[in-house]
Amino acid sequence: MNSTKQLPPVQHPGLLLKEGIDAYGISQYRLGKDLSIAHSTVSGICVGRQSITVVIALKLGKYLGTSAEYWINLQRRYDIETQRDRMSSELDAIHPAQVLECAEDASQYNQS
């Protein structure tokens, strides 16, 4: 039995942002104004067309009382999972490197 926990399906972090600001009654226009971000950028993020950058993550973290890391990690997970899906056949064709015998011998000496 595999005990690895599956994460929920990944969604663009902008969709989560949209849900959050809607719940707080904050419009995309107001968010953009308050954070000095172009409305087109905010709407692009909210529909999943644009990524959350480090600068935007810092601003969102401050404004929404979260951390910049929260937003960047959501974006990073989304980027990795969507890219993994896109290149799955290419990744399947890659075989893991074989551990060299001399490296195994060296690790035995380092454990003493």
PDB file of N, CA and C in Angstrom:
ATOM      1  N   MET A   1       0.836  -1.187   0.000  1.00  0.00           N
ATOM      2  CA  MET A   1       0.000   0.000   0.000  1.00  0.00           C
ATOM      3  C   MET A   1       0.880   1.249   0.000  1.00  0.00           C
ATOM      4  N   ASN A   2       0.561   2.189  -0.815  1.00  0.00           N
ATOM      5  CA  ASN A   2       1.332   3.424  -0.928  1.00  0.00           C
ATOM      6  C   ASN A   2       0.829   4.416   0.103  1.00  0.00           C
ATOM      7  N   SER A   3       1.713   4.859   1.000  1.00  0.00           N
ATOM      8  CA  SER A   3       1.303   5.771   2.074  1.00  0.00           C
ATOM      9  C   SER A   3       1.543   7.238   1.715  1.00  0.00           C
ATOM     10  N   THR A   4       1.959   7.498   0.483  1.00  0.00           N
ATOM     11  CA  THR A   4       2.193   8.871   0.053  1.00  0.00           C
ATOM     12  C   THR A   4       0.862   9.595  -0.050  1.00  0.00           C
ATOM     13  N   LYS A   5       0.765  10.746   0.592  1.00  0.00           N
ATOM     14  CA  LYS A   5      -0.463  11.532   0.536  1.00  0.00           C
ATOM     15  C   LYS A   5      -0.506  12.308  -0.763  1.00  0.00           C
ATOM     16  N   GLN A   6      -1.642  12.282  -1.405  1.00  0.00           N
ATOM     17  CA  GLN A   6      -1.840  13.036  -2.637  1.00  0.00           C
ATOM     18  C   GLN A   6      -2.289  14.447  -2.294  1.00  0.00           C
ATOM     19  N   LEU A   7      -1.687  15.420  -2.933  1.00  0.00           N
ATOM     20  CA  LEU A   7      -2.131  16.795  -2.788  1.00  0.00           C
ATOM     21  C   LEU A   7      -3.371  16.995  -3.653  1.00  0.00           C
ATOM     22  N   PRO A   8      -4.224  17.936  -3.284  1.00  0.00           N
ATOM     23  CA  PRO A   8      -5.388  18.194  -4.136  1.00  0.00           C
ATOM     24  C   PRO A   8      -4.944  18.686  -5.507  1.00  0.00           C
ATOM     25  N   PRO A   9      -5.807  18.541  -6.509  1.00  0.00           N
ATOM     26  CA  PRO A   9      -5.433  19.026  -7.852  1.00  0.00           C
ATOM     27  C   PRO A   9      -5.006  20.485  -7.791  1.00  0.00           C
ATOM     28  N   VAL A  10      -4.011  20.795  -8.571  1.00  0.00           N
ATOM     29  CA  VAL A  10      -3.443  22.143  -8.553  1.00  0.00           C
ATOM     30  C   VAL A  10      -4.313  23.091  -9.381  1.00  0.00           C
ATOM     31  N   GLN A  11      -4.494  24.285  -8.866  1.00  0.00           N
ATOM     32  CA  GLN A  11      -5.188  25.326  -9.614  1.00  0.00           C
ATOM     33  C   GLN A  11      -4.330  26.583  -9.585  1.00  0.00           C
ATOM     34  N   HIS A  12      -4.560  27.433 -10.546  1.00  0.00           N
ATOM     35  CA  HIS A  12      -3.786  28.667 -10.613  1.00  0.00           C
ATOM     36  C   HIS A  12      -4.047  29.481  -9.350  1.00  0.00           C
ATOM     37  N   PRO A  13      -2.997  30.052  -8.733  1.00  0.00           N
ATOM     38  CA  PRO A  13      -3.182  30.819  -7.498  1.00  0.00           C
ATOM     39  C   PRO A  13      -4.060  32.056  -7.673  1.00  0.00           C
ATOM     40  N   GLY A  14      -4.185  32.542  -8.896  1.00  0.00           N
ATOM     41  CA  GLY A  14      -5.041  33.686  -9.149  1.00  0.00           C
ATOM     42  C   GLY A  14      -6.508  33.379  -8.868  1.00  0.00           C
ATOM     43  N   LEU A  15      -6.909  32.134  -9.081  1.00  0.00           N
ATOM     44  CA  LEU A  15      -8.287  31.744  -8.795  1.00  0.00           C
ATOM     45  C   LEU A  15      -8.550  31.809  -7.290  1.00  0.00           C
ATOM     46  N   LEU A  16      -7.565  31.401  -6.511  1.00  0.00           N
ATOM     47  CA  LEU A  16      -7.663  31.505  -5.060  1.00  0.00           C
ATOM     48  C   LEU A  16      -7.675  32.968  -4.627  1.00  0.00           C
ATOM     49  N   LEU A  17      -6.856  33.777  -5.251  1.00  0.00           N
ATOM     50  CA  LEU A  17      -6.837  35.207  -4.961  1.00  0.00           C
ATOM     51  C   LEU A  17      -8.202  35.818  -5.248  1.00  0.00           C
ATOM     52  N   LYS A  18      -8.784  35.486  -6.386  1.00  0.00           N
ATOM     53  CA  LYS A  18     -10.092  36.021  -6.755  1.00  0.00           C
ATOM     54  C   LYS A  18     -11.152  35.630  -5.725  1.00  0.00           C
ATOM     55  N   GLU A  19     -11.159  34.370  -5.321  1.00  0.00           N
ATOM     56  CA  GLU A  19     -12.107  33.919  -4.297  1.00  0.00           C
ATOM     57  C   GLU A  19     -11.919  34.716  -3.007  1.00  0.00           C
ATOM     58  N   GLY A  20     -10.667  34.935  -2.627  1.00  0.00           N
ATOM     59  CA  GLY A  20     -10.371  35.651  -1.386  1.00  0.00           C
ATOM     60  C   GLY A  20     -10.810  37.103  -1.421  1.00  0.00           C
ATOM     61  N   ILE A  21     -10.489  37.798  -2.490  1.00  0.00           N
ATOM     62  CA  ILE A  21     -10.864  39.212  -2.539  1.00  0.00           C
ATOM     63  C   ILE A  21     -12.372  39.369  -2.698  1.00  0.00           C
ATOM     64  N   ASP A  22     -13.001  38.436  -3.427  1.00  0.00           N
ATOM     65  CA  ASP A  22     -14.458  38.467  -3.537  1.00  0.00           C
ATOM     66  C   ASP A  22     -15.102  38.283  -2.164  1.00  0.00           C
ATOM     67  N   ALA A  23     -14.565  37.361  -1.372  1.00  0.00           N
ATOM     68  CA  ALA A  23     -15.106  37.095  -0.032  1.00  0.00           C
ATOM     69  C   ALA A  23     -14.967  38.315   0.879  1.00  0.00           C
ATOM     70  N   TYR A  24     -13.894  39.079   0.686  1.00  0.00           N
ATOM     71  CA  TYR A  24     -13.672  40.292   1.489  1.00  0.00           C
ATOM     72  C   TYR A  24     -14.359  41.522   0.896  1.00  0.00           C
ATOM     73  N   GLY A  25     -14.988  41.351  -0.249  1.00  0.00           N
ATOM     74  CA  GLY A  25     -15.655  42.483  -0.892  1.00  0.00           C
ATOM     75  C   GLY A  25     -14.694  43.471  -1.525  1.00  0.00           C
ATOM     76  N   ILE A  26     -13.522  42.989  -1.910  1.00  0.00           N
ATOM     77  CA  ILE A  26     -12.517  43.843  -2.544  1.00  0.00           C
ATOM     78  C   ILE A  26     -12.584  43.601  -4.053  1.00  0.00           C
ATOM     79  N   SER A  27     -12.748  44.645  -4.819  1.00  0.00           N
ATOM     80  CA  SER A  27     -12.781  44.480  -6.273  1.00  0.00           C
ATOM     81  C   SER A  27     -11.358  44.343  -6.811  1.00  0.00           C
ATOM     82  N   GLN A  28     -11.253  43.797  -7.996  1.00  0.00           N
ATOM     83  CA  GLN A  28      -9.951  43.709  -8.655  1.00  0.00           C
ATOM     84  C   GLN A  28      -9.392  45.105  -8.904  1.00  0.00           C
ATOM     85  N   TYR A  29     -10.273  46.020  -9.241  1.00  0.00           N
ATOM     86  CA  TYR A  29      -9.850  47.405  -9.460  1.00  0.00           C
ATOM     87  C   TYR A  29      -9.241  47.985  -8.185  1.00  0.00           C
ATOM     88  N   ARG A  30      -9.929  47.799  -7.059  1.00  0.00           N
ATOM     89  CA  ARG A  30      -9.420  48.320  -5.785  1.00  0.00           C
ATOM     90  C   ARG A  30      -8.099  47.661  -5.401  1.00  0.00           C
ATOM     91  N   LEU A  31      -8.006  46.364  -5.592  1.00  0.00           N
ATOM     92  CA  LEU A  31      -6.763  45.656  -5.282  1.00  0.00           C
ATOM     93  C   LEU A  31      -5.609  46.253  -6.090  1.00  0.00           C
ATOM     94  N   GLY A  32      -5.838  46.444  -7.376  1.00  0.00           N
ATOM     95  CA  GLY A  32      -4.802  47.025  -8.225  1.00  0.00           C
ATOM     96  C   GLY A  32      -4.415  48.426  -7.779  1.00  0.00           C
ATOM     97  N   LYS A  33      -5.421  49.246  -7.465  1.00  0.00           N
ATOM     98  CA  LYS A  33      -5.151  50.615  -6.992  1.00  0.00           C
ATOM     99  C   LYS A  33      -4.359  50.604  -5.694  1.00  0.00           C
ATOM    100  N   ASP A  34      -4.828  49.810  -4.735  1.00  0.00           N
ATOM    101  CA  ASP A  34      -4.178  49.773  -3.418  1.00  0.00           C
ATOM    102  C   ASP A  34      -2.746  49.249  -3.474  1.00  0.00           C
ATOM    103  N   LEU A  35      -2.475  48.377  -4.445  1.00  0.00           N
ATOM    104  CA  LEU A  35      -1.137  47.778  -4.541  1.00  0.00           C
ATOM    105  C   LEU A  35      -0.286  48.371  -5.655  1.00  0.00           C
ATOM    106  N   SER A  36      -0.809  49.379  -6.338  1.00  0.00           N
ATOM    107  CA  SER A  36      -0.107  49.979  -7.482  1.00  0.00           C
ATOM    108  C   SER A  36       0.261  48.932  -8.529  1.00  0.00           C
ATOM    109  N   ILE A  37      -0.738  48.130  -8.860  1.00  0.00           N
ATOM    110  CA  ILE A  37      -0.595  47.106  -9.897  1.00  0.00           C
ATOM    111  C   ILE A  37      -1.642  47.419 -10.965  1.00  0.00           C
ATOM    112  N   ALA A  38      -1.265  47.346 -12.219  1.00  0.00           N
ATOM    113  CA  ALA A  38      -2.207  47.614 -13.310  1.00  0.00           C
ATOM    114  C   ALA A  38      -3.415  46.687 -13.219  1.00  0.00           C
ATOM    115  N   HIS A  39      -4.586  47.244 -13.489  1.00  0.00           N
ATOM    116  CA  HIS A  39      -5.812  46.445 -13.441  1.00  0.00           C
ATOM    117  C   HIS A  39      -5.724  45.249 -14.385  1.00  0.00           C
ATOM    118  N   SER A  40      -5.120  45.440 -15.538  1.00  0.00           N
ATOM    119  CA  SER A  40      -4.988  44.334 -16.493  1.00  0.00           C
ATOM    120  C   SER A  40      -4.140  43.188 -15.917  1.00  0.00           C
ATOM    121  N   THR A  41      -3.148  43.541 -15.110  1.00  0.00           N
ATOM    122  CA  THR A  41      -2.318  42.520 -14.454  1.00  0.00           C
ATOM    123  C   THR A  41      -3.134  41.771 -13.416  1.00  0.00           C
ATOM    124  N   VAL A  42      -3.869  42.509 -12.592  1.00  0.00           N
ATOM    125  CA  VAL A  42      -4.700  41.878 -11.565  1.00  0.00           C
ATOM    126  C   VAL A  42      -5.726  40.955 -12.216  1.00  0.00           C
ATOM    127  N   SER A  43      -6.417  41.426 -13.238  1.00  0.00           N
ATOM    128  CA  SER A  43      -7.430  40.588 -13.872  1.00  0.00           C
ATOM    129  C   SER A  43      -6.781  39.388 -14.563  1.00  0.00           C
ATOM    130  N   GLY A  44      -5.604  39.578 -15.139  1.00  0.00           N
ATOM    131  CA  GLY A  44      -4.872  38.468 -15.752  1.00  0.00           C
ATOM    132  C   GLY A  44      -4.511  37.393 -14.749  1.00  0.00           C
ATOM    133  N   ILE A  45      -4.105  37.803 -13.562  1.00  0.00           N
ATOM    134  CA  ILE A  45      -3.790  36.853 -12.496  1.00  0.00           C
ATOM    135  C   ILE A  45      -5.068  36.135 -12.053  1.00  0.00           C
ATOM    136  N   CYS A  46      -6.137  36.887 -11.856  1.00  0.00           N
ATOM    137  CA  CYS A  46      -7.391  36.320 -11.338  1.00  0.00           C
ATOM    138  C   CYS A  46      -8.038  35.309 -12.279  1.00  0.00           C
ATOM    139  N   VAL A  47      -7.759  35.401 -13.557  1.00  0.00           N
ATOM    140  CA  VAL A  47      -8.299  34.408 -14.499  1.00  0.00           C
ATOM    141  C   VAL A  47      -7.265  33.347 -14.877  1.00  0.00           C
ATOM    142  N   GLY A  48      -6.084  33.405 -14.262  1.00  0.00           N
ATOM    143  CA  GLY A  48      -5.066  32.393 -14.495  1.00  0.00           C
ATOM    144  C   GLY A  48      -4.245  32.588 -15.743  1.00  0.00           C
ATOM    145  N   ARG A  49      -4.262  33.790 -16.288  1.00  0.00           N
ATOM    146  CA  ARG A  49      -3.521  34.096 -17.509  1.00  0.00           C
ATOM    147  C   ARG A  49      -2.108  34.610 -17.209  1.00  0.00           C
ATOM    148  N   GLN A  50      -1.912  35.184 -16.027  1.00  0.00           N
ATOM    149  CA  GLN A  50      -0.606  35.729 -15.647  1.00  0.00           C
ATOM    150  C   GLN A  50      -0.163  35.115 -14.324  1.00  0.00           C
ATOM    151  N   SER A  51       1.137  35.092 -14.140  1.00  0.00           N
ATOM    152  CA  SER A  51       1.723  34.523 -12.924  1.00  0.00           C
ATOM    153  C   SER A  51       1.847  35.568 -11.824  1.00  0.00           C
ATOM    154  N   ILE A  52       1.888  35.078 -10.610  1.00  0.00           N
ATOM    155  CA  ILE A  52       2.181  35.935  -9.464  1.00  0.00           C
ATOM    156  C   ILE A  52       3.695  36.030  -9.351  1.00  0.00           C
ATOM    157  N   THR A  53       4.220  37.223  -9.521  1.00  0.00           N
ATOM    158  CA  THR A  53       5.659  37.457  -9.441  1.00  0.00           C
ATOM    159  C   THR A  53       6.065  37.679  -7.983  1.00  0.00           C
ATOM    160  N   VAL A  54       7.353  37.739  -7.747  1.00  0.00           N
ATOM    161  CA  VAL A  54       7.860  38.001  -6.396  1.00  0.00           C
ATOM    162  C   VAL A  54       7.366  39.357  -5.894  1.00  0.00           C
ATOM    163  N   VAL A  55       7.406  40.372  -6.742  1.00  0.00           N
ATOM    164  CA  VAL A  55       6.953  41.710  -6.337  1.00  0.00           C
ATOM    165  C   VAL A  55       5.476  41.677  -5.958  1.00  0.00           C
ATOM    166  N   ILE A  56       4.671  41.037  -6.779  1.00  0.00           N
ATOM    167  CA  ILE A  56       3.242  40.952  -6.488  1.00  0.00           C
ATOM    168  C   ILE A  56       3.005  40.123  -5.235  1.00  0.00           C
ATOM    169  N   ALA A  57       3.747  39.036  -5.068  1.00  0.00           N
ATOM    170  CA  ALA A  57       3.613  38.207  -3.862  1.00  0.00           C
ATOM    171  C   ALA A  57       3.924  39.013  -2.600  1.00  0.00           C
ATOM    172  N   LEU A  58       4.949  39.841  -2.656  1.00  0.00           N
ATOM    173  CA  LEU A  58       5.289  40.685  -1.504  1.00  0.00           C
ATOM    174  C   LEU A  58       4.143  41.645  -1.178  1.00  0.00           C
ATOM    175  N   LYS A  59       3.582  42.244  -2.221  1.00  0.00           N
ATOM    176  CA  LYS A  59       2.480  43.188  -2.020  1.00  0.00           C
ATOM    177  C   LYS A  59       1.227  42.479  -1.501  1.00  0.00           C
ATOM    178  N   LEU A  60       0.905  41.330  -2.086  1.00  0.00           N
ATOM    179  CA  LEU A  60      -0.271  40.575  -1.631  1.00  0.00           C
ATOM    180  C   LEU A  60      -0.114  40.128  -0.183  1.00  0.00           C
ATOM    181  N   GLY A  61       1.083  39.673   0.150  1.00  0.00           N
ATOM    182  CA  GLY A  61       1.338  39.235   1.519  1.00  0.00           C
ATOM    183  C   GLY A  61       1.095  40.339   2.526  1.00  0.00           C
ATOM    184  N   LYS A  62       1.615  41.507   2.229  1.00  0.00           N
ATOM    185  CA  LYS A  62       1.442  42.661   3.118  1.00  0.00           C
ATOM    186  C   LYS A  62      -0.032  43.062   3.198  1.00  0.00           C
ATOM    187  N   TYR A  63      -0.688  43.137   2.066  1.00  0.00           N
ATOM    188  CA  TYR A  63      -2.071  43.618   1.970  1.00  0.00           C
ATOM    189  C   TYR A  63      -3.070  42.645   2.598  1.00  0.00           C
ATOM    190  N   LEU A  64      -2.843  41.345   2.381  1.00  0.00           N
ATOM    191  CA  LEU A  64      -3.814  40.340   2.831  1.00  0.00           C
ATOM    192  C   LEU A  64      -3.432  39.661   4.144  1.00  0.00           C
ATOM    193  N   GLY A  65      -2.305  40.067   4.716  1.00  0.00           N
ATOM    194  CA  GLY A  65      -1.897  39.488   6.002  1.00  0.00           C
ATOM    195  C   GLY A  65      -1.387  38.060   5.889  1.00  0.00           C
ATOM    196  N   THR A  66      -0.818  37.745   4.748  1.00  0.00           N
ATOM    197  CA  THR A  66      -0.205  36.430   4.551  1.00  0.00           C
ATOM    198  C   THR A  66       1.290  36.657   4.371  1.00  0.00           C
ATOM    199  N   SER A  67       1.978  35.647   3.893  1.00  0.00           N
ATOM    200  CA  SER A  67       3.397  35.834   3.580  1.00  0.00           C
ATOM    201  C   SER A  67       3.575  35.841   2.070  1.00  0.00           C
ATOM    202  N   ALA A  68       4.642  36.444   1.629  1.00  0.00           N
ATOM    203  CA  ALA A  68       4.977  36.403   0.203  1.00  0.00           C
ATOM    204  C   ALA A  68       5.238  34.951  -0.213  1.00  0.00           C
ATOM    205  N   GLU A  69       5.824  34.194   0.685  1.00  0.00           N
ATOM    206  CA  GLU A  69       6.135  32.788   0.400  1.00  0.00           C
ATOM    207  C   GLU A  69       4.873  31.981   0.099  1.00  0.00           C
ATOM    208  N   TYR A  70       3.789  32.314   0.765  1.00  0.00           N
ATOM    209  CA  TYR A  70       2.519  31.630   0.519  1.00  0.00           C
ATOM    210  C   TYR A  70       2.137  31.746  -0.960  1.00  0.00           C
ATOM    211  N   TRP A  71       2.157  32.954  -1.483  1.00  0.00           N
ATOM    212  CA  TRP A  71       1.759  33.195  -2.868  1.00  0.00           C
ATOM    213  C   TRP A  71       2.765  32.625  -3.851  1.00  0.00           C
ATOM    214  N   ILE A  72       4.046  32.770  -3.554  1.00  0.00           N
ATOM    215  CA  ILE A  72       5.086  32.237  -4.447  1.00  0.00           C
ATOM    216  C   ILE A  72       5.037  30.714  -4.466  1.00  0.00           C
ATOM    217  N   ASN A  73       4.815  30.097  -3.319  1.00  0.00           N
ATOM    218  CA  ASN A  73       4.735  28.631  -3.283  1.00  0.00           C
ATOM    219  C   ASN A  73       3.525  28.110  -4.049  1.00  0.00           C
ATOM    220  N   LEU A  74       2.395  28.810  -3.963  1.00  0.00           N
ATOM    221  CA  LEU A  74       1.238  28.422  -4.769  1.00  0.00           C
ATOM    222  C   LEU A  74       1.568  28.511  -6.258  1.00  0.00           C
ATOM    223  N   GLN A  75       2.219  29.606  -6.653  1.00  0.00           N
ATOM    224  CA  GLN A  75       2.584  29.791  -8.058  1.00  0.00           C
ATOM    225  C   GLN A  75       3.593  28.742  -8.497  1.00  0.00           C
ATOM    226  N   ARG A  76       4.566  28.494  -7.645  1.00  0.00           N
ATOM    227  CA  ARG A  76       5.614  27.517  -7.975  1.00  0.00           C
ATOM    228  C   ARG A  76       5.021  26.121  -8.156  1.00  0.00           C
ATOM    229  N   ARG A  77       4.128  25.724  -7.244  1.00  0.00           N
ATOM    230  CA  ARG A  77       3.492  24.410  -7.347  1.00  0.00           C
ATOM    231  C   ARG A  77       2.684  24.318  -8.645  1.00  0.00           C
ATOM    232  N   TYR A  78       1.936  25.373  -8.949  1.00  0.00           N
ATOM    233  CA  TYR A  78       1.151  25.395 -10.181  1.00  0.00           C
ATOM    234  C   TYR A  78       2.070  25.257 -11.397  1.00  0.00           C
ATOM    235  N   ASP A  79       3.140  26.038 -11.423  1.00  0.00           N
ATOM    236  CA  ASP A  79       4.070  26.005 -12.558  1.00  0.00           C
ATOM    237  C   ASP A  79       4.698  24.624 -12.727  1.00  0.00           C
ATOM    238  N   ILE A  80       5.127  24.017 -11.625  1.00  0.00           N
ATOM    239  CA  ILE A  80       5.764  22.698 -11.696  1.00  0.00           C
ATOM    240  C   ILE A  80       4.768  21.649 -12.176  1.00  0.00           C
ATOM    241  N   GLU A  81       3.581  21.631 -11.601  1.00  0.00           N
ATOM    242  CA  GLU A  81       2.602  20.608 -11.971  1.00  0.00           C
ATOM    243  C   GLU A  81       2.125  20.748 -13.413  1.00  0.00           C
ATOM    244  N   THR A  82       1.880  21.972 -13.853  1.00  0.00           N
ATOM    245  CA  THR A  82       1.423  22.135 -15.234  1.00  0.00           C
ATOM    246  C   THR A  82       2.539  21.800 -16.225  1.00  0.00           C
ATOM    247  N   GLN A  83       3.764  22.171 -15.898  1.00  0.00           N
ATOM    248  CA  GLN A  83       4.891  21.826 -16.779  1.00  0.00           C
ATOM    249  C   GLN A  83       5.137  20.323 -16.770  1.00  0.00           C
ATOM    250  N   ARG A  84       5.012  19.684 -15.604  1.00  0.00           N
ATOM    251  CA  ARG A  84       5.184  18.227 -15.509  1.00  0.00           C
ATOM    252  C   ARG A  84       4.158  17.529 -16.399  1.00  0.00           C
ATOM    253  N   ASP A  85       2.919  18.014 -16.386  1.00  0.00           N
ATOM    254  CA  ASP A  85       1.886  17.432 -17.249  1.00  0.00           C
ATOM    255  C   ASP A  85       2.240  17.606 -18.721  1.00  0.00           C
ATOM    256  N   ARG A  86       2.716  18.799 -19.078  1.00  0.00           N
ATOM    257  CA  ARG A  86       3.059  19.087 -20.476  1.00  0.00           C
ATOM    258  C   ARG A  86       4.190  18.206 -21.001  1.00  0.00           C
ATOM    259  N   MET A  87       5.137  17.900 -20.122  1.00  0.00           N
ATOM    260  CA  MET A  87       6.310  17.172 -20.597  1.00  0.00           C
ATOM    261  C   MET A  87       6.402  15.758 -20.023  1.00  0.00           C
ATOM    262  N   SER A  88       5.268  15.180 -19.661  1.00  0.00           N
ATOM    263  CA  SER A  88       5.266  13.869 -19.015  1.00  0.00           C
ATOM    264  C   SER A  88       5.947  12.788 -19.862  1.00  0.00           C
ATOM    265  N   SER A  89       5.679  12.753 -21.160  1.00  0.00           N
ATOM    266  CA  SER A  89       6.309  11.708 -21.984  1.00  0.00           C
ATOM    267  C   SER A  89       7.821  11.910 -22.067  1.00  0.00           C
ATOM    268  N   GLU A  90       8.253  13.173 -22.109  1.00  0.00           N
ATOM    269  CA  GLU A  90       9.693  13.441 -22.128  1.00  0.00           C
ATOM    270  C   GLU A  90      10.337  13.016 -20.805  1.00  0.00           C
ATOM    271  N   LEU A  91       9.667  13.304 -19.702  1.00  0.00           N
ATOM    272  CA  LEU A  91      10.197  12.908 -18.394  1.00  0.00           C
ATOM    273  C   LEU A  91      10.201  11.390 -18.229  1.00  0.00           C
ATOM    274  N   ASP A  92       9.160  10.726 -18.766  1.00  0.00           N
ATOM    275  CA  ASP A  92       9.101   9.262 -18.679  1.00  0.00           C
ATOM    276  C   ASP A  92      10.276   8.609 -19.399  1.00  0.00           C
ATOM    277  N   ALA A  93      10.803   9.266 -20.413  1.00  0.00           N
ATOM    278  CA  ALA A  93      11.912   8.713 -21.195  1.00  0.00           C
ATOM    279  C   ALA A  93      13.268   8.871 -20.501  1.00  0.00           C
ATOM    280  N   ILE A  94      13.317   9.630 -19.424  1.00  0.00           N
ATOM    281  CA  ILE A  94      14.577   9.849 -18.700  1.00  0.00           C
ATOM    282  C   ILE A  94      14.730   8.770 -17.645  1.00  0.00           C
ATOM    283  N   HIS A  95      15.875   8.107 -17.676  1.00  0.00           N
ATOM    284  CA  HIS A  95      16.160   7.058 -16.701  1.00  0.00           C
ATOM    285  C   HIS A  95      17.054   7.633 -15.605  1.00  0.00           C
ATOM    286  N   PRO A  96      16.741   7.334 -14.341  1.00  0.00           N
ATOM    287  CA  PRO A  96      17.567   7.857 -13.242  1.00  0.00           C
ATOM    288  C   PRO A  96      19.022   7.410 -13.371  1.00  0.00           C
ATOM    289  N   ALA A  97      19.907   8.268 -12.928  1.00  0.00           N
ATOM    290  CA  ALA A  97      21.336   7.955 -12.972  1.00  0.00           C
ATOM    291  C   ALA A  97      21.617   6.774 -12.054  1.00  0.00           C
ATOM    292  N   GLN A  98      22.563   5.970 -12.461  1.00  0.00           N
ATOM    293  CA  GLN A  98      22.976   4.836 -11.646  1.00  0.00           C
ATOM    294  C   GLN A  98      24.015   5.315 -10.640  1.00  0.00           C
ATOM    295  N   VAL A  99      23.870   4.883  -9.410  1.00  0.00           N
ATOM    296  CA  VAL A  99      24.833   5.258  -8.381  1.00  0.00           C
ATOM    297  C   VAL A  99      26.142   4.557  -8.696  1.00  0.00           C
ATOM    298  N   LEU A 100      27.203   5.330  -8.695  1.00  0.00           N
ATOM    299  CA  LEU A 100      28.510   4.762  -8.992  1.00  0.00           C
ATOM    300  C   LEU A 100      29.004   3.958  -7.804  1.00  0.00           C
ATOM    301  N   GLU A 101      29.669   2.862  -8.087  1.00  0.00           N
ATOM    302  CA  GLU A 101      30.159   1.987  -7.037  1.00  0.00           C
ATOM    303  C   GLU A 101      31.119   2.726  -6.098  1.00  0.00           C
ATOM    304  N   CYS A 102      31.974   3.586  -6.628  1.00  0.00           N
ATOM    305  CA  CYS A 102      32.922   4.308  -5.785  1.00  0.00           C
ATOM    306  C   CYS A 102      32.180   5.284  -4.862  1.00  0.00           C
ATOM    307  N   ALA A 103      31.054   5.829  -5.304  1.00  0.00           N
ATOM    308  CA  ALA A 103      30.279   6.723  -4.448  1.00  0.00           C
ATOM    309  C   ALA A 103      29.658   5.950  -3.301  1.00  0.00           C
ATOM    310  N   GLU A 104      29.220   4.717  -3.559  1.00  0.00           N
ATOM    311  CA  GLU A 104      28.664   3.879  -2.500  1.00  0.00           C
ATOM    312  C   GLU A 104      29.737   3.564  -1.466  1.00  0.00           C
ATOM    313  N   ASP A 105      30.932   3.255  -1.953  1.00  0.00           N
ATOM    314  CA  ASP A 105      32.041   2.947  -1.042  1.00  0.00           C
ATOM    315  C   ASP A 105      32.379   4.153  -0.178  1.00  0.00           C
ATOM    316  N   ALA A 106      32.385   5.334  -0.750  1.00  0.00           N
ATOM    317  CA  ALA A 106      32.719   6.548  -0.012  1.00  0.00           C
ATOM    318  C   ALA A 106      31.671   6.845   1.055  1.00  0.00           C
ATOM    319  N   SER A 107      30.411   6.564   0.765  1.00  0.00           N
ATOM    320  CA  SER A 107      29.364   6.861   1.754  1.00  0.00           C
ATOM    321  C   SER A 107      29.496   5.941   2.960  1.00  0.00           C
ATOM    322  N   GLN A 108      30.013   4.741   2.782  1.00  0.00           N
ATOM    323  CA  GLN A 108      30.207   3.835   3.904  1.00  0.00           C
ATOM    324  C   GLN A 108      31.260   4.375   4.864  1.00  0.00           C
ATOM    325  N   TYR A 109      32.293   5.016   4.324  1.00  0.00           N
ATOM    326  CA  TYR A 109      33.352   5.567   5.153  1.00  0.00           C
ATOM    327  C   TYR A 109      32.894   6.807   5.913  1.00  0.00           C
ATOM    328  N   ASN A 110      31.994   7.575   5.330  1.00  0.00           N
ATOM    329  CA  ASN A 110      31.507   8.807   5.965  1.00  0.00           C
ATOM    330  C   ASN A 110      30.544   8.535   7.107  1.00  0.00           C
ATOM    331  N   GLN A 111      29.979   7.334   7.183  1.00  0.00           N
ATOM    332  CA  GLN A 111      29.031   7.012   8.233  1.00  0.00           C
ATOM    333  C   GLN A 111      29.705   6.627   9.537  1.00  0.00           C
ATOM    334  N   SER A 112      31.000   6.385   9.523  1.00  0.00           N
ATOM    335  CA  SER A 112      31.710   5.952  10.729  1.00  0.00           C
ATOM    336  C   SER A 112      31.921   7.081  11.693  1.00  0.00           C
TER     337      SER A 112
END
